Amino acid sequence: MAFGLLALIASAIFAGAAFYVNFAEQPARLTLDDRALLTEWKPAYKRGATMQAPLALIGFVLGMLAWWQIAHIGFLIGAILMIAPWPWTLIVIKPTNDALLATDPEKASPQSRALIVKWGTVHAVRTALGGLATAAFFWACLSL
């Protein structure tokens, strides 16, 4: 049961952080001019990635351990949902990240702004995956 509760905690932290980005940080940064927007996005993205990627992996491992121990399908579903942001990021978000990271803030433009708007939209999928993983783990923990 401990693995399941820890998986729930990891997923809730992941989902909360992702929600904060979409609900507070992204709308606030979009009020900046193009140069300041890109200048703010770059370190925020790097810091967020160093927090969220390990949380997704930890939540996945803990969810799989809970599923292996208890065999409740909610832990398996939650674990899969926790690791799903990795391929989503690599396949869908990475090209946008790479273009933004390669852009010099001095050359920021409406095009870089459009990429950051797009980034916020595709990041919302990570938020949803984290929320669904949290719900699956919560359901599994309540069922025990």
C-alpha atoms as a PDB file:
ATOM      1  CA  MET A   1       0.000   0.000   0.000  1.00  0.00           C
ATOM      2  CA  ALA A   2       2.917   2.363   0.687  1.00  0.00           C
ATOM      3  CA  PHE A   3       3.995   2.267  -2.965  1.00  0.00           C
ATOM      4  CA  GLY A   4       0.476   3.203  -4.024  1.00  0.00           C
ATOM      5  CA  LEU A   5       0.291   6.166  -1.663  1.00  0.00           C
ATOM      6  CA  LEU A   6       3.728   7.359  -2.761  1.00  0.00           C
ATOM      7  CA  ALA A   7       2.661   7.032  -6.412  1.00  0.00           C
ATOM      8  CA  LEU A   8      -0.413   9.119  -5.597  1.00  0.00           C
ATOM      9  CA  ILE A   9       1.755  11.797  -3.973  1.00  0.00           C
ATOM     10  CA  ALA A  10       4.186  11.885  -6.913  1.00  0.00           C
ATOM     11  CA  SER A  11       1.361  12.147  -9.428  1.00  0.00           C
ATOM     12  CA  ALA A  12      -0.388  14.878  -7.438  1.00  0.00           C
ATOM     13  CA  ILE A  13       2.828  16.926  -7.284  1.00  0.00           C
ATOM     14  CA  PHE A  14       3.378  16.397 -11.026  1.00  0.00           C
ATOM     15  CA  ALA A  15      -0.208  17.347 -11.871  1.00  0.00           C
ATOM     16  CA  GLY A  16      -0.154  20.348  -9.557  1.00  0.00           C
ATOM     17  CA  ALA A  17       3.062  21.680 -11.046  1.00  0.00           C
ATOM     18  CA  ALA A  18       1.795  21.174 -14.599  1.00  0.00           C
ATOM     19  CA  PHE A  19      -1.525  22.834 -13.736  1.00  0.00           C
ATOM     20  CA  TYR A  20       0.294  25.813 -12.230  1.00  0.00           C
ATOM     21  CA  VAL A  21       2.230  26.290 -15.467  1.00  0.00           C
ATOM     22  CA  ASN A  22      -0.941  26.263 -17.590  1.00  0.00           C
ATOM     23  CA  PHE A  23      -3.129  28.246 -15.196  1.00  0.00           C
ATOM     24  CA  ALA A  24      -0.734  30.857 -13.800  1.00  0.00           C
ATOM     25  CA  GLU A  25       2.738  30.953 -15.332  1.00  0.00           C
ATOM     26  CA  GLN A  26       1.888  30.658 -19.032  1.00  0.00           C
ATOM     27  CA  PRO A  27      -0.862  33.331 -19.033  1.00  0.00           C
ATOM     28  CA  ALA A  28       1.362  35.679 -17.006  1.00  0.00           C
ATOM     29  CA  ARG A  29       4.356  35.253 -19.302  1.00  0.00           C
ATOM     30  CA  LEU A  30       2.212  35.897 -22.373  1.00  0.00           C
ATOM     31  CA  THR A  31       1.673  39.466 -21.144  1.00  0.00           C
ATOM     32  CA  LEU A  32       5.385  40.158 -21.757  1.00  0.00           C
ATOM     33  CA  ASP A  33       6.850  41.532 -24.975  1.00  0.00           C
ATOM     34  CA  ASP A  34       8.368  38.968 -27.361  1.00  0.00           C
ATOM     35  CA  ARG A  35      11.950  39.319 -26.123  1.00  0.00           C
ATOM     36  CA  ALA A  36      11.050  39.167 -22.417  1.00  0.00           C
ATOM     37  CA  LEU A  37       8.653  36.297 -23.120  1.00  0.00           C
ATOM     38  CA  LEU A  38      11.358  34.138 -24.665  1.00  0.00           C
ATOM     39  CA  THR A  39      13.899  35.216 -22.051  1.00  0.00           C
ATOM     40  CA  GLU A  40      11.524  34.090 -19.270  1.00  0.00           C
ATOM     41  CA  TRP A  41      10.403  30.887 -21.007  1.00  0.00           C
ATOM     42  CA  LYS A  42      13.893  29.425 -21.464  1.00  0.00           C
ATOM     43  CA  PRO A  43      14.982  29.079 -17.805  1.00  0.00           C
ATOM     44  CA  ALA A  44      11.419  28.319 -16.676  1.00  0.00           C
ATOM     45  CA  TYR A  45      11.243  25.444 -19.156  1.00  0.00           C
ATOM     46  CA  LYS A  46      14.620  24.042 -18.117  1.00  0.00           C
ATOM     47  CA  ARG A  47      13.751  24.191 -14.417  1.00  0.00           C
ATOM     48  CA  GLY A  48      10.338  22.678 -15.001  1.00  0.00           C
ATOM     49  CA  ALA A  49      11.797  19.820 -17.018  1.00  0.00           C
ATOM     50  CA  THR A  50      14.305  18.978 -14.297  1.00  0.00           C
ATOM     51  CA  MET A  51      11.422  18.689 -11.846  1.00  0.00           C
ATOM     52  CA  GLN A  52       8.669  17.109 -13.912  1.00  0.00           C
ATOM     53  CA  ALA A  53      10.637  14.443 -15.799  1.00  0.00           C
ATOM     54  CA  PRO A  54      11.880  12.723 -12.606  1.00  0.00           C
ATOM     55  CA  LEU A  55       8.431  13.021 -10.991  1.00  0.00           C
ATOM     56  CA  ALA A  56       6.899  11.237 -13.985  1.00  0.00           C
ATOM     57  CA  LEU A  57       9.482   8.469 -13.772  1.00  0.00           C
ATOM     58  CA  ILE A  58       9.149   8.116  -9.995  1.00  0.00           C
ATOM     59  CA  GLY A  59       5.348   8.024 -10.238  1.00  0.00           C
ATOM     60  CA  PHE A  60       5.573   5.385 -12.953  1.00  0.00           C
ATOM     61  CA  VAL A  61       7.946   3.159 -10.973  1.00  0.00           C
ATOM     62  CA  LEU A  62       5.944   3.506  -7.750  1.00  0.00           C
ATOM     63  CA  GLY A  63       2.696   2.827  -9.612  1.00  0.00           C
ATOM     64  CA  MET A  64       4.152  -0.296 -11.204  1.00  0.00           C
ATOM     65  CA  LEU A  65       5.441  -1.502  -7.833  1.00  0.00           C
ATOM     66  CA  ALA A  66       2.003  -0.938  -6.296  1.00  0.00           C
ATOM     67  CA  TRP A  67       0.366  -2.790  -9.181  1.00  0.00           C
ATOM     68  CA  TRP A  68       2.848  -5.656  -8.851  1.00  0.00           C
ATOM     69  CA  GLN A  69       2.159  -5.860  -5.101  1.00  0.00           C
ATOM     70  CA  ILE A  70      -1.604  -5.388  -5.079  1.00  0.00           C
ATOM     71  CA  ALA A  71      -2.712  -6.093  -8.676  1.00  0.00           C
ATOM     72  CA  HIS A  72      -5.292  -3.291  -8.724  1.00  0.00           C
ATOM     73  CA  ILE A  73      -5.768  -2.086 -12.300  1.00  0.00           C
ATOM     74  CA  GLY A  74      -5.877   1.527 -11.109  1.00  0.00           C
ATOM     75  CA  PHE A  75      -2.183   1.380 -10.262  1.00  0.00           C
ATOM     76  CA  LEU A  76      -1.320   0.056 -13.723  1.00  0.00           C
ATOM     77  CA  ILE A  77      -3.456   2.716 -15.413  1.00  0.00           C
ATOM     78  CA  GLY A  78      -1.928   5.435 -13.231  1.00  0.00           C
ATOM     79  CA  ALA A  79       1.599   4.212 -13.945  1.00  0.00           C
ATOM     80  CA  ILE A  80       1.013   4.247 -17.701  1.00  0.00           C
ATOM     81  CA  LEU A  81      -0.492   7.735 -17.483  1.00  0.00           C
ATOM     82  CA  MET A  82       2.516   8.915 -15.457  1.00  0.00           C
ATOM     83  CA  ILE A  83       5.047   7.802 -18.050  1.00  0.00           C
ATOM     84  CA  ALA A  84       2.942   8.945 -21.025  1.00  0.00           C
ATOM     85  CA  PRO A  85       4.271  12.543 -20.823  1.00  0.00           C
ATOM     86  CA  TRP A  86       7.732  11.264 -21.792  1.00  0.00           C
ATOM     87  CA  PRO A  87       6.830  10.047 -25.307  1.00  0.00           C
ATOM     88  CA  TRP A  88       4.391  12.975 -25.701  1.00  0.00           C
ATOM     89  CA  THR A  89       7.222  15.360 -24.924  1.00  0.00           C
ATOM     90  CA  LEU A  90       9.731  13.616 -27.186  1.00  0.00           C
ATOM     91  CA  ILE A  91       7.385  13.269 -30.151  1.00  0.00           C
ATOM     92  CA  VAL A  92       5.136  16.325 -29.958  1.00  0.00           C
ATOM     93  CA  ILE A  93       6.710  18.979 -27.728  1.00  0.00           C
ATOM     94  CA  LYS A  94      10.449  18.551 -28.376  1.00  0.00           C
ATOM     95  CA  PRO A  95      10.459  20.161 -31.853  1.00  0.00           C
ATOM     96  CA  THR A  96       8.853  23.287 -30.370  1.00  0.00           C
ATOM     97  CA  ASN A  97      11.240  23.230 -27.394  1.00  0.00           C
ATOM     98  CA  ASP A  98      14.236  22.884 -29.701  1.00  0.00           C
ATOM     99  CA  ALA A  99      13.142  25.800 -31.890  1.00  0.00           C
ATOM    100  CA  LEU A 100      12.561  28.022 -28.856  1.00  0.00           C
ATOM    101  CA  LEU A 101      15.822  27.049 -27.150  1.00  0.00           C
ATOM    102  CA  ALA A 102      17.738  27.749 -30.371  1.00  0.00           C
ATOM    103  CA  THR A 103      16.253  31.235 -30.735  1.00  0.00           C
ATOM    104  CA  ASP A 104      18.350  34.091 -29.398  1.00  0.00           C
ATOM    105  CA  PRO A 105      16.160  36.369 -27.241  1.00  0.00           C
ATOM    106  CA  GLU A 106      17.468  39.297 -29.289  1.00  0.00           C
ATOM    107  CA  LYS A 107      15.783  37.687 -32.309  1.00  0.00           C
ATOM    108  CA  ALA A 108      12.471  37.008 -30.559  1.00  0.00           C
ATOM    109  CA  SER A 109       9.500  37.757 -32.790  1.00  0.00           C
ATOM    110  CA  PRO A 110       5.808  37.055 -33.214  1.00  0.00           C
ATOM    111  CA  GLN A 111       6.929  33.641 -34.503  1.00  0.00           C
ATOM    112  CA  SER A 112       8.652  32.770 -31.208  1.00  0.00           C
ATOM    113  CA  ARG A 113       5.548  34.038 -29.381  1.00  0.00           C
ATOM    114  CA  ALA A 114       3.382  31.738 -31.506  1.00  0.00           C
ATOM    115  CA  LEU A 115       5.653  28.820 -30.607  1.00  0.00           C
ATOM    116  CA  ILE A 116       5.310  29.591 -26.895  1.00  0.00           C
ATOM    117  CA  VAL A 117       1.527  29.759 -27.271  1.00  0.00           C
ATOM    118  CA  LYS A 118       1.665  26.385 -29.056  1.00  0.00           C
ATOM    119  CA  TRP A 119       3.939  25.048 -26.307  1.00  0.00           C
ATOM    120  CA  GLY A 120       1.348  26.015 -23.679  1.00  0.00           C
ATOM    121  CA  THR A 121      -1.370  24.187 -25.583  1.00  0.00           C
ATOM    122  CA  VAL A 122       0.584  20.953 -25.963  1.00  0.00           C
ATOM    123  CA  HIS A 123       1.819  21.238 -22.357  1.00  0.00           C
ATOM    124  CA  ALA A 124      -1.827  21.091 -21.283  1.00  0.00           C
ATOM    125  CA  VAL A 125      -1.815  17.437 -22.384  1.00  0.00           C
ATOM    126  CA  ARG A 126       0.867  16.750 -19.758  1.00  0.00           C
ATOM    127  CA  THR A 127      -1.364  18.467 -17.225  1.00  0.00           C
ATOM    128  CA  ALA A 128      -4.296  16.261 -18.205  1.00  0.00           C
ATOM    129  CA  LEU A 129      -2.190  13.087 -18.087  1.00  0.00           C
ATOM    130  CA  GLY A 130      -0.963  13.981 -14.601  1.00  0.00           C
ATOM    131  CA  GLY A 131      -4.505  14.693 -13.426  1.00  0.00           C
ATOM    132  CA  LEU A 132      -5.784  11.403 -14.847  1.00  0.00           C
ATOM    133  CA  ALA A 133      -2.890   9.493 -13.241  1.00  0.00           C
ATOM    134  CA  THR A 134      -3.703  11.101  -9.904  1.00  0.00           C
ATOM    135  CA  ALA A 135      -7.353  10.102 -10.279  1.00  0.00           C
ATOM    136  CA  ALA A 136      -6.383   6.506 -11.142  1.00  0.00           C
ATOM    137  CA  PHE A 137      -4.035   6.225  -8.167  1.00  0.00           C
ATOM    138  CA  PHE A 138      -6.632   7.836  -5.882  1.00  0.00           C
ATOM    139  CA  TRP A 139      -9.269   5.366  -7.080  1.00  0.00           C
ATOM    140  CA  ALA A 140      -6.895   2.440  -6.497  1.00  0.00           C
ATOM    141  CA  CYS A 141      -5.954   3.655  -3.002  1.00  0.00           C
ATOM    142  CA  LEU A 142      -9.618   4.181  -2.063  1.00  0.00           C
ATOM    143  CA  SER A 143     -10.479   0.681  -3.257  1.00  0.00           C
ATOM    144  CA  LEU A 144      -8.117  -0.968  -0.800  1.00  0.00           C
END
